[in-house]
Amino acid sequence: MRQSPPWRAELDAWRLRGMATAPEWRGLGVGRALVGAVSDHIAAGGGGLLWCNARLAAVGFYERAGMVTTGEVWQEPLIGPHIAMFVQILPPGPR
């Protein structure tokens, strides 16, 4: 969804929200395919910042997708520790 990150409210950015994979589907590439499809969509639209609030247990997954952490860890009520992550998606073409 289009939503600016709280640390840069002036940015027109994309937020990945509510990302989860059923336990029996984890490790099969479903999450990677979803993040890839979102990244392709953003790139096709001219690129931009993709961000999320990641559970600490999922930081490695998002890092493999090219994201980096920013800010401090916080406790999300009823869910647990989270940290913000982001990646700049470039439009297609020569780099």
PDB file of N, CA and C in Angstrom:
ATOM      1  N   MET A   1       0.836  -1.173   0.000  1.00  0.00           N
ATOM      2  CA  MET A   1       0.000   0.000   0.000  1.00  0.00           C
ATOM      3  C   MET A   1       0.884   1.240   0.000  1.00  0.00           C
ATOM      4  N   ARG A   2       0.409   2.297  -0.595  1.00  0.00           N
ATOM      5  CA  ARG A   2       1.158   3.556  -0.554  1.00  0.00           C
ATOM      6  C   ARG A   2       1.019   4.163   0.834  1.00  0.00           C
ATOM      7  N   GLN A   3       2.164   4.362   1.462  1.00  0.00           N
ATOM      8  CA  GLN A   3       2.184   4.986   2.788  1.00  0.00           C
ATOM      9  C   GLN A   3       3.601   5.435   3.081  1.00  0.00           C
ATOM     10  N   SER A   4       3.739   6.658   3.524  1.00  0.00           N
ATOM     11  CA  SER A   4       5.055   7.179   3.881  1.00  0.00           C
ATOM     12  C   SER A   4       5.542   6.533   5.165  1.00  0.00           C
ATOM     13  N   PRO A   5       6.862   6.327   5.281  1.00  0.00           N
ATOM     14  CA  PRO A   5       7.390   5.783   6.543  1.00  0.00           C
ATOM     15  C   PRO A   5       7.382   6.867   7.612  1.00  0.00           C
ATOM     16  N   PRO A   6       7.233   6.484   8.875  1.00  0.00           N
ATOM     17  CA  PRO A   6       7.164   7.492   9.935  1.00  0.00           C
ATOM     18  C   PRO A   6       8.435   8.329  10.074  1.00  0.00           C
ATOM     19  N   TRP A   7       9.558   7.816   9.641  1.00  0.00           N
ATOM     20  CA  TRP A   7      10.810   8.571   9.775  1.00  0.00           C
ATOM     21  C   TRP A   7      11.040   9.527   8.597  1.00  0.00           C
ATOM     22  N   ARG A   8      10.245   9.442   7.528  1.00  0.00           N
ATOM     23  CA  ARG A   8      10.338  10.358   6.372  1.00  0.00           C
ATOM     24  C   ARG A   8       8.931  10.584   5.821  1.00  0.00           C
ATOM     25  N   ALA A   9       8.116  11.305   6.575  1.00  0.00           N
ATOM     26  CA  ALA A   9       6.704  11.481   6.240  1.00  0.00           C
ATOM     27  C   ALA A   9       6.477  12.161   4.898  1.00  0.00           C
ATOM     28  N   GLU A  10       7.484  12.844   4.365  1.00  0.00           N
ATOM     29  CA  GLU A  10       7.315  13.545   3.084  1.00  0.00           C
ATOM     30  C   GLU A  10       7.488  12.622   1.878  1.00  0.00           C
ATOM     31  N   LEU A  11       7.982  11.410   2.091  1.00  0.00           N
ATOM     32  CA  LEU A  11       8.218  10.489   0.978  1.00  0.00           C
ATOM     33  C   LEU A  11       6.934   9.845   0.488  1.00  0.00           C
ATOM     34  N   ASP A  12       6.825   9.706  -0.816  1.00  0.00           N
ATOM     35  CA  ASP A  12       5.775   8.894  -1.417  1.00  0.00           C
ATOM     36  C   ASP A  12       6.365   7.491  -1.513  1.00  0.00           C
ATOM     37  N   ALA A  13       5.979   6.628  -0.600  1.00  0.00           N
ATOM     38  CA  ALA A  13       6.611   5.318  -0.470  1.00  0.00           C
ATOM     39  C   ALA A  13       5.553   4.223  -0.454  1.00  0.00           C
ATOM     40  N   TRP A  14       6.046   2.995  -0.439  1.00  0.00           N
ATOM     41  CA  TRP A  14       5.192   1.807  -0.400  1.00  0.00           C
ATOM     42  C   TRP A  14       5.467   1.036   0.881  1.00  0.00           C
ATOM     43  N   ARG A  15       4.407   0.615   1.553  1.00  0.00           N
ATOM     44  CA  ARG A  15       4.553  -0.149   2.786  1.00  0.00           C
ATOM     45  C   ARG A  15       4.087  -1.587   2.567  1.00  0.00           C
ATOM     46  N   LEU A  16       4.918  -2.510   2.963  1.00  0.00           N
ATOM     47  CA  LEU A  16       4.556  -3.924   2.983  1.00  0.00           C
ATOM     48  C   LEU A  16       3.994  -4.193   4.369  1.00  0.00           C
ATOM     49  N   ARG A  17       2.719  -4.568   4.433  1.00  0.00           N
ATOM     50  CA  ARG A  17       2.057  -4.691   5.730  1.00  0.00           C
ATOM     51  C   ARG A  17       1.278  -5.997   5.821  1.00  0.00           C
ATOM     52  N   GLY A  18       1.292  -6.582   6.999  1.00  0.00           N
ATOM     53  CA  GLY A  18       0.521  -7.790   7.236  1.00  0.00           C
ATOM     54  C   GLY A  18       1.103  -9.012   6.550  1.00  0.00           C
ATOM     55  N   MET A  19       2.415  -8.993   6.340  1.00  0.00           N
ATOM     56  CA  MET A  19       3.088 -10.095   5.654  1.00  0.00           C
ATOM     57  C   MET A  19       3.215 -11.283   6.600  1.00  0.00           C
ATOM     58  N   ALA A  20       2.735 -12.435   6.163  1.00  0.00           N
ATOM     59  CA  ALA A  20       2.870 -13.658   6.949  1.00  0.00           C
ATOM     60  C   ALA A  20       2.708 -14.856   6.020  1.00  0.00           C
ATOM     61  N   THR A  21       3.365 -15.930   6.370  1.00  0.00           N
ATOM     62  CA  THR A  21       3.259 -17.174   5.619  1.00  0.00           C
ATOM     63  C   THR A  21       2.884 -18.274   6.609  1.00  0.00           C
ATOM     64  N   ALA A  22       1.934 -19.097   6.246  1.00  0.00           N
ATOM     65  CA  ALA A  22       1.541 -20.211   7.107  1.00  0.00           C
ATOM     66  C   ALA A  22       2.763 -21.086   7.365  1.00  0.00           C
ATOM     67  N   PRO A  23       2.896 -21.602   8.571  1.00  0.00           N
ATOM     68  CA  PRO A  23       4.090 -22.390   8.916  1.00  0.00           C
ATOM     69  C   PRO A  23       4.409 -23.501   7.913  1.00  0.00           C
ATOM     70  N   GLU A  24       3.407 -24.188   7.410  1.00  0.00           N
ATOM     71  CA  GLU A  24       3.674 -25.291   6.480  1.00  0.00           C
ATOM     72  C   GLU A  24       4.165 -24.811   5.109  1.00  0.00           C
ATOM     73  N   TRP A  25       4.065 -23.518   4.832  1.00  0.00           N
ATOM     74  CA  TRP A  25       4.530 -22.967   3.554  1.00  0.00           C
ATOM     75  C   TRP A  25       5.867 -22.225   3.686  1.00  0.00           C
ATOM     76  N   ARG A  26       6.365 -22.053   4.900  1.00  0.00           N
ATOM     77  CA  ARG A  26       7.629 -21.331   5.109  1.00  0.00           C
ATOM     78  C   ARG A  26       8.787 -22.119   4.525  1.00  0.00           C
ATOM     79  N   GLY A  27       9.721 -21.382   3.950  1.00  0.00           N
ATOM     80  CA  GLY A  27      10.904 -21.996   3.363  1.00  0.00           C
ATOM     81  C   GLY A  27      10.703 -22.519   1.955  1.00  0.00           C
ATOM     82  N   LEU A  28       9.523 -22.315   1.385  1.00  0.00           N
ATOM     83  CA  LEU A  28       9.228 -22.817   0.041  1.00  0.00           C
ATOM     84  C   LEU A  28       9.277 -21.720  -1.030  1.00  0.00           C
ATOM     85  N   GLY A  29       9.598 -20.493  -0.635  1.00  0.00           N
ATOM     86  CA  GLY A  29       9.733 -19.405  -1.603  1.00  0.00           C
ATOM     87  C   GLY A  29       8.487 -18.564  -1.798  1.00  0.00           C
ATOM     88  N   VAL A  30       7.435 -18.838  -1.041  1.00  0.00           N
ATOM     89  CA  VAL A  30       6.194 -18.076  -1.193  1.00  0.00           C
ATOM     90  C   VAL A  30       6.405 -16.615  -0.790  1.00  0.00           C
ATOM     91  N   GLY A  31       6.988 -16.374   0.366  1.00  0.00           N
ATOM     92  CA  GLY A  31       7.255 -15.012   0.823  1.00  0.00           C
ATOM     93  C   GLY A  31       8.205 -14.284  -0.101  1.00  0.00           C
ATOM     94  N   ARG A  32       9.250 -14.971  -0.539  1.00  0.00           N
ATOM     95  CA  ARG A  32      10.220 -14.371  -1.472  1.00  0.00           C
ATOM     96  C   ARG A  32       9.517 -13.969  -2.766  1.00  0.00           C
ATOM     97  N   ALA A  33       8.620 -14.826  -3.269  1.00  0.00           N
ATOM     98  CA  ALA A  33       7.887 -14.515  -4.499  1.00  0.00           C
ATOM     99  C   ALA A  33       6.974 -13.306  -4.302  1.00  0.00           C
ATOM    100  N   LEU A  34       6.340 -13.217  -3.145  1.00  0.00           N
ATOM    101  CA  LEU A  34       5.465 -12.083  -2.872  1.00  0.00           C
ATOM    102  C   LEU A  34       6.248 -10.777  -2.816  1.00  0.00           C
ATOM    103  N   VAL A  35       7.353 -10.765  -2.076  1.00  0.00           N
ATOM    104  CA  VAL A  35       8.177  -9.554  -1.996  1.00  0.00           C
ATOM    105  C   VAL A  35       8.738  -9.212  -3.381  1.00  0.00           C
ATOM    106  N   GLY A  36       9.104 -10.223  -4.161  1.00  0.00           N
ATOM    107  CA  GLY A  36       9.578  -9.990  -5.521  1.00  0.00           C
ATOM    108  C   GLY A  36       8.515  -9.360  -6.400  1.00  0.00           C
ATOM    109  N   ALA A  37       7.269  -9.837  -6.281  1.00  0.00           N
ATOM    110  CA  ALA A  37       6.169  -9.273  -7.076  1.00  0.00           C
ATOM    111  C   ALA A  37       5.891  -7.827  -6.680  1.00  0.00           C
ATOM    112  N   VAL A  38       5.937  -7.538  -5.386  1.00  0.00           N
ATOM    113  CA  VAL A  38       5.745  -6.169  -4.910  1.00  0.00           C
ATOM    114  C   VAL A  38       6.872  -5.280  -5.440  1.00  0.00           C
ATOM    115  N   SER A  39       8.096  -5.750  -5.361  1.00  0.00           N
ATOM    116  CA  SER A  39       9.246  -4.977  -5.853  1.00  0.00           C
ATOM    117  C   SER A  39       9.132  -4.729  -7.353  1.00  0.00           C
ATOM    118  N   ASP A  40       8.711  -5.739  -8.110  1.00  0.00           N
ATOM    119  CA  ASP A  40       8.522  -5.576  -9.557  1.00  0.00           C
ATOM    120  C   ASP A  40       7.452  -4.534  -9.851  1.00  0.00           C
ATOM    121  N   HIS A  41       6.380  -4.547  -9.086  1.00  0.00           N
ATOM    122  CA  HIS A  41       5.294  -3.568  -9.262  1.00  0.00           C
ATOM    123  C   HIS A  41       5.801  -2.147  -9.016  1.00  0.00           C
ATOM    124  N   ILE A  42       6.564  -1.977  -7.944  1.00  0.00           N
ATOM    125  CA  ILE A  42       7.114  -0.656  -7.620  1.00  0.00           C
ATOM    126  C   ILE A  42       8.085  -0.208  -8.710  1.00  0.00           C
ATOM    127  N   ALA A  43       8.957  -1.104  -9.160  1.00  0.00           N
ATOM    128  CA  ALA A  43       9.918  -0.774 -10.220  1.00  0.00           C
ATOM    129  C   ALA A  43       9.190  -0.368 -11.491  1.00  0.00           C
ATOM    130  N   ALA A  44       8.157  -1.107 -11.877  1.00  0.00           N
ATOM    131  CA  ALA A  44       7.414  -0.810 -13.104  1.00  0.00           C
ATOM    132  C   ALA A  44       6.721   0.544 -13.035  1.00  0.00           C
ATOM    133  N   GLY A  45       6.400   0.980 -11.823  1.00  0.00           N
ATOM    134  CA  GLY A  45       5.762   2.283 -11.642  1.00  0.00           C
ATOM    135  C   GLY A  45       6.743   3.420 -11.470  1.00  0.00           C
ATOM    136  N   GLY A  46       8.032   3.169 -11.698  1.00  0.00           N
ATOM    137  CA  GLY A  46       9.041   4.219 -11.599  1.00  0.00           C
ATOM    138  C   GLY A  46       9.961   4.103 -10.411  1.00  0.00           C
ATOM    139  N   GLY A  47       9.758   3.083  -9.588  1.00  0.00           N
ATOM    140  CA  GLY A  47      10.634   2.875  -8.444  1.00  0.00           C
ATOM    141  C   GLY A  47      10.170   3.647  -7.228  1.00  0.00           C
ATOM    142  N   GLY A  48      10.844   3.408  -6.130  1.00  0.00           N
ATOM    143  CA  GLY A  48      10.520   4.106  -4.889  1.00  0.00           C
ATOM    144  C   GLY A  48      10.949   3.302  -3.684  1.00  0.00           C
ATOM    145  N   LEU A  49      10.674   3.849  -2.526  1.00  0.00           N
ATOM    146  CA  LEU A  49      11.046   3.215  -1.267  1.00  0.00           C
ATOM    147  C   LEU A  49       9.994   2.186  -0.876  1.00  0.00           C
ATOM    148  N   LEU A  50      10.447   0.995  -0.524  1.00  0.00           N
ATOM    149  CA  LEU A  50       9.595  -0.054   0.042  1.00  0.00           C
ATOM    150  C   LEU A  50      10.027  -0.236   1.485  1.00  0.00           C
ATOM    151  N   TRP A  51       9.077  -0.225   2.406  1.00  0.00           N
ATOM    152  CA  TRP A  51       9.413  -0.362   3.817  1.00  0.00           C
ATOM    153  C   TRP A  51       8.408  -1.244   4.534  1.00  0.00           C
ATOM    154  N   CYS A  52       8.805  -1.686   5.718  1.00  0.00           N
ATOM    155  CA  CYS A  52       7.920  -2.498   6.549  1.00  0.00           C
ATOM    156  C   CYS A  52       8.355  -2.395   7.999  1.00  0.00           C
ATOM    157  N   ASN A  53       7.481  -2.821   8.877  1.00  0.00           N
ATOM    158  CA  ASN A  53       7.804  -3.033  10.286  1.00  0.00           C
ATOM    159  C   ASN A  53       7.975  -4.539  10.441  1.00  0.00           C
ATOM    160  N   ALA A  54       9.195  -4.967  10.628  1.00  0.00           N
ATOM    161  CA  ALA A  54       9.511  -6.400  10.637  1.00  0.00           C
ATOM    162  C   ALA A  54       9.605  -6.950  12.053  1.00  0.00           C
ATOM    163  N   ARG A  55       9.026  -8.133  12.240  1.00  0.00           N
ATOM    164  CA  ARG A  55       9.270  -8.859  13.486  1.00  0.00           C
ATOM    165  C   ARG A  55      10.766  -9.176  13.532  1.00  0.00           C
ATOM    166  N   LEU A  56      11.368  -9.143  14.688  1.00  0.00           N
ATOM    167  CA  LEU A  56      12.804  -9.431  14.782  1.00  0.00           C
ATOM    168  C   LEU A  56      13.134 -10.805  14.211  1.00  0.00           C
ATOM    169  N   ALA A  57      12.245 -11.765  14.400  1.00  0.00           N
ATOM    170  CA  ALA A  57      12.483 -13.111  13.875  1.00  0.00           C
ATOM    171  C   ALA A  57      12.518 -13.141  12.351  1.00  0.00           C
ATOM    172  N   ALA A  58      11.973 -12.116  11.678  1.00  0.00           N
ATOM    173  CA  ALA A  58      11.916 -12.083  10.216  1.00  0.00           C
ATOM    174  C   ALA A  58      12.964 -11.161   9.586  1.00  0.00           C
ATOM    175  N   VAL A  59      13.816 -10.549  10.391  1.00  0.00           N
ATOM    176  CA  VAL A  59      14.812  -9.615   9.858  1.00  0.00           C
ATOM    177  C   VAL A  59      15.689 -10.284   8.799  1.00  0.00           C
ATOM    178  N   GLY A  60      16.140 -11.493   9.032  1.00  0.00           N
ATOM    179  CA  GLY A  60      16.977 -12.193   8.049  1.00  0.00           C
ATOM    180  C   GLY A  60      16.278 -12.374   6.715  1.00  0.00           C
ATOM    181  N   PHE A  61      14.991 -12.692   6.748  1.00  0.00           N
ATOM    182  CA  PHE A  61      14.208 -12.828   5.512  1.00  0.00           C
ATOM    183  C   PHE A  61      14.230 -11.528   4.722  1.00  0.00           C
ATOM    184  N   TYR A  62      13.952 -10.411   5.402  1.00  0.00           N
ATOM    185  CA  TYR A  62      13.922  -9.120   4.709  1.00  0.00           C
ATOM    186  C   TYR A  62      15.313  -8.680   4.270  1.00  0.00           C
ATOM    187  N   GLU A  63      16.330  -9.007   5.040  1.00  0.00           N
ATOM    188  CA  GLU A  63      17.701  -8.694   4.613  1.00  0.00           C
ATOM    189  C   GLU A  63      18.040  -9.431   3.322  1.00  0.00           C
ATOM    190  N   ARG A  64      17.611 -10.670   3.187  1.00  0.00           N
ATOM    191  CA  ARG A  64      17.856 -11.416   1.940  1.00  0.00           C
ATOM    192  C   ARG A  64      17.121 -10.787   0.760  1.00  0.00           C
ATOM    193  N   ALA A  65      16.085 -10.009   1.041  1.00  0.00           N
ATOM    194  CA  ALA A  65      15.359  -9.285  -0.006  1.00  0.00           C
ATOM    195  C   ALA A  65      15.976  -7.913  -0.268  1.00  0.00           C
ATOM    196  N   GLY A  66      17.098  -7.625   0.398  1.00  0.00           N
ATOM    197  CA  GLY A  66      17.812  -6.372   0.162  1.00  0.00           C
ATOM    198  C   GLY A  66      17.491  -5.258   1.135  1.00  0.00           C
ATOM    199  N   MET A  67      16.631  -5.514   2.106  1.00  0.00           N
ATOM    200  CA  MET A  67      16.249  -4.469   3.049  1.00  0.00           C
ATOM    201  C   MET A  67      17.295  -4.302   4.152  1.00  0.00           C
ATOM    202  N   VAL A  68      17.316  -3.103   4.710  1.00  0.00           N
ATOM    203  CA  VAL A  68      18.178  -2.796   5.850  1.00  0.00           C
ATOM    204  C   VAL A  68      17.314  -2.239   6.971  1.00  0.00           C
ATOM    205  N   THR A  69      17.804  -2.377   8.196  1.00  0.00           N
ATOM    206  CA  THR A  69      17.065  -1.872   9.354  1.00  0.00           C
ATOM    207  C   THR A  69      17.335  -0.387   9.537  1.00  0.00           C
ATOM    208  N   THR A  70      16.400   0.256  10.212  1.00  0.00           N
ATOM    209  CA  THR A  70      16.564   1.650  10.592  1.00  0.00           C
ATOM    210  C   THR A  70      15.856   1.884  11.918  1.00  0.00           C
ATOM    211  N   GLY A  71      16.414   2.742  12.728  1.00  0.00           N
ATOM    212  CA  GLY A  71      15.783   3.063  14.006  1.00  0.00           C
ATOM    213  C   GLY A  71      16.040   2.009  15.066  1.00  0.00           C
ATOM    214  N   GLU A  72      15.233   2.076  16.099  1.00  0.00           N
ATOM    215  CA  GLU A  72      15.376   1.219  17.267  1.00  0.00           C
ATOM    216  C   GLU A  72      14.279   0.157  17.294  1.00  0.00           C
ATOM    217  N   VAL A  73      14.556  -0.926  17.983  1.00  0.00           N
ATOM    218  CA  VAL A  73      13.570  -1.991  18.192  1.00  0.00           C
ATOM    219  C   VAL A  73      12.501  -1.473  19.153  1.00  0.00           C
ATOM    220  N   TRP A  74      11.241  -1.852  18.908  1.00  0.00           N
ATOM    221  CA  TRP A  74      10.152  -1.542  19.816  1.00  0.00           C
ATOM    222  C   TRP A  74       9.278  -2.779  19.993  1.00  0.00           C
ATOM    223  N   GLN A  75       8.495  -2.755  21.048  1.00  0.00           N
ATOM    224  CA  GLN A  75       7.568  -3.844  21.343  1.00  0.00           C
ATOM    225  C   GLN A  75       6.206  -3.511  20.736  1.00  0.00           C
ATOM    226  N   GLU A  76       5.756  -4.318  19.815  1.00  0.00           N
ATOM    227  CA  GLU A  76       4.419  -4.172  19.248  1.00  0.00           C
ATOM    228  C   GLU A  76       3.480  -4.971  20.154  1.00  0.00           C
ATOM    229  N   PRO A  77       2.482  -4.312  20.751  1.00  0.00           N
ATOM    230  CA  PRO A  77       1.595  -5.020  21.674  1.00  0.00           C
ATOM    231  C   PRO A  77       0.979  -6.270  21.039  1.00  0.00           C
ATOM    232  N   LEU A  78       0.979  -7.335  21.785  1.00  0.00           N
ATOM    233  CA  LEU A  78       0.411  -8.634  21.417  1.00  0.00           C
ATOM    234  C   LEU A  78       1.171  -9.363  20.313  1.00  0.00           C
ATOM    235  N   ILE A  79       2.219  -8.739  19.746  1.00  0.00           N
ATOM    236  CA  ILE A  79       2.963  -9.374  18.650  1.00  0.00           C
ATOM    237  C   ILE A  79       4.420  -9.610  19.024  1.00  0.00           C
ATOM    238  N   GLY A  80       5.055  -8.611  19.660  1.00  0.00           N
ATOM    239  CA  GLY A  80       6.442  -8.754  20.064  1.00  0.00           C
ATOM    240  C   GLY A  80       7.350  -7.717  19.441  1.00  0.00           C
ATOM    241  N   PRO A  81       8.672  -7.939  19.533  1.00  0.00           N
ATOM    242  CA  PRO A  81       9.638  -6.934  19.082  1.00  0.00           C
ATOM    243  C   PRO A  81       9.661  -6.785  17.565  1.00  0.00           C
ATOM    244  N   HIS A  82       9.742  -5.526  17.125  1.00  0.00           N
ATOM    245  CA  HIS A  82       9.775  -5.153  15.706  1.00  0.00           C
ATOM    246  C   HIS A  82      10.864  -4.116  15.465  1.00  0.00           C
ATOM    247  N   ILE A  83      11.249  -3.983  14.197  1.00  0.00           N
ATOM    248  CA  ILE A  83      12.145  -2.922  13.761  1.00  0.00           C
ATOM    249  C   ILE A  83      11.749  -2.534  12.340  1.00  0.00           C
ATOM    250  N   ALA A  84      11.898  -1.261  12.008  1.00  0.00           N
ATOM    251  CA  ALA A  84      11.580  -0.789  10.662  1.00  0.00           C
ATOM    252  C   ALA A  84      12.693  -1.205   9.706  1.00  0.00           C
ATOM    253  N   MET A  85      12.303  -1.540   8.474  1.00  0.00           N
ATOM    254  CA  MET A  85      13.262  -1.932   7.433  1.00  0.00           C
ATOM    255  C   MET A  85      12.836  -1.292   6.117  1.00  0.00           C
ATOM    256  N   PHE A  86      13.804  -1.103   5.210  1.00  0.00           N
ATOM    257  CA  PHE A  86      13.479  -0.496   3.924  1.00  0.00           C
ATOM    258  C   PHE A  86      14.480  -0.896   2.855  1.00  0.00           C
ATOM    259  N   VAL A  87      14.073  -0.672   1.601  1.00  0.00           N
ATOM    260  CA  VAL A  87      14.943  -0.833   0.442  1.00  0.00           C
ATOM    261  C   VAL A  87      14.473   0.148  -0.619  1.00  0.00           C
ATOM    262  N   GLN A  88      15.396   0.717  -1.357  1.00  0.00           N
ATOM    263  CA  GLN A  88      15.061   1.594  -2.472  1.00  0.00           C
ATOM    264  C   GLN A  88      14.937   0.725  -3.726  1.00  0.00           C
ATOM    265  N   ILE A  89      13.773   0.729  -4.346  1.00  0.00           N
ATOM    266  CA  ILE A  89      13.522  -0.046  -5.561  1.00  0.00           C
ATOM    267  C   ILE A  89      13.756   0.873  -6.759  1.00  0.00           C
ATOM    268  N   LEU A  90      14.626   0.467  -7.651  1.00  0.00           N
ATOM    269  CA  LEU A  90      14.942   1.261  -8.832  1.00  0.00           C
ATOM    270  C   LEU A  90      14.018   0.876  -9.991  1.00  0.00           C
ATOM    271  N   PRO A  91      13.734   1.844 -10.872  1.00  0.00           N
ATOM    272  CA  PRO A  91      12.939   1.507 -12.056  1.00  0.00           C
ATOM    273  C   PRO A  91      13.755   0.632 -12.991  1.00  0.00           C
ATOM    274  N   PRO A  92      13.093  -0.105 -13.883  1.00  0.00           N
ATOM    275  CA  PRO A  92      13.850  -0.928 -14.828  1.00  0.00           C
ATOM    276  C   PRO A  92      14.673  -0.068 -15.778  1.00  0.00           C
ATOM    277  N   GLY A  93      15.712  -0.646 -16.329  1.00  0.00           N
ATOM    278  CA  GLY A  93      16.547   0.076 -17.288  1.00  0.00           C
ATOM    279  C   GLY A  93      17.997   0.021 -16.897  1.00  0.00           C
ATOM    280  N   PRO A  94      18.824   0.717 -17.658  1.00  0.00           N
ATOM    281  CA  PRO A  94      20.274   0.699 -17.367  1.00  0.00           C
ATOM    282  C   PRO A  94      20.572   1.336 -16.020  1.00  0.00           C
ATOM    283  N   ARG A  95      21.529   0.763 -15.344  1.00  0.00           N
ATOM    284  CA  ARG A  95      21.929   1.298 -14.030  1.00  0.00           C
ATOM    285  C   ARG A  95      23.349   1.753 -14.068  1.00  0.00           C
TER     286      ARG A  95
END
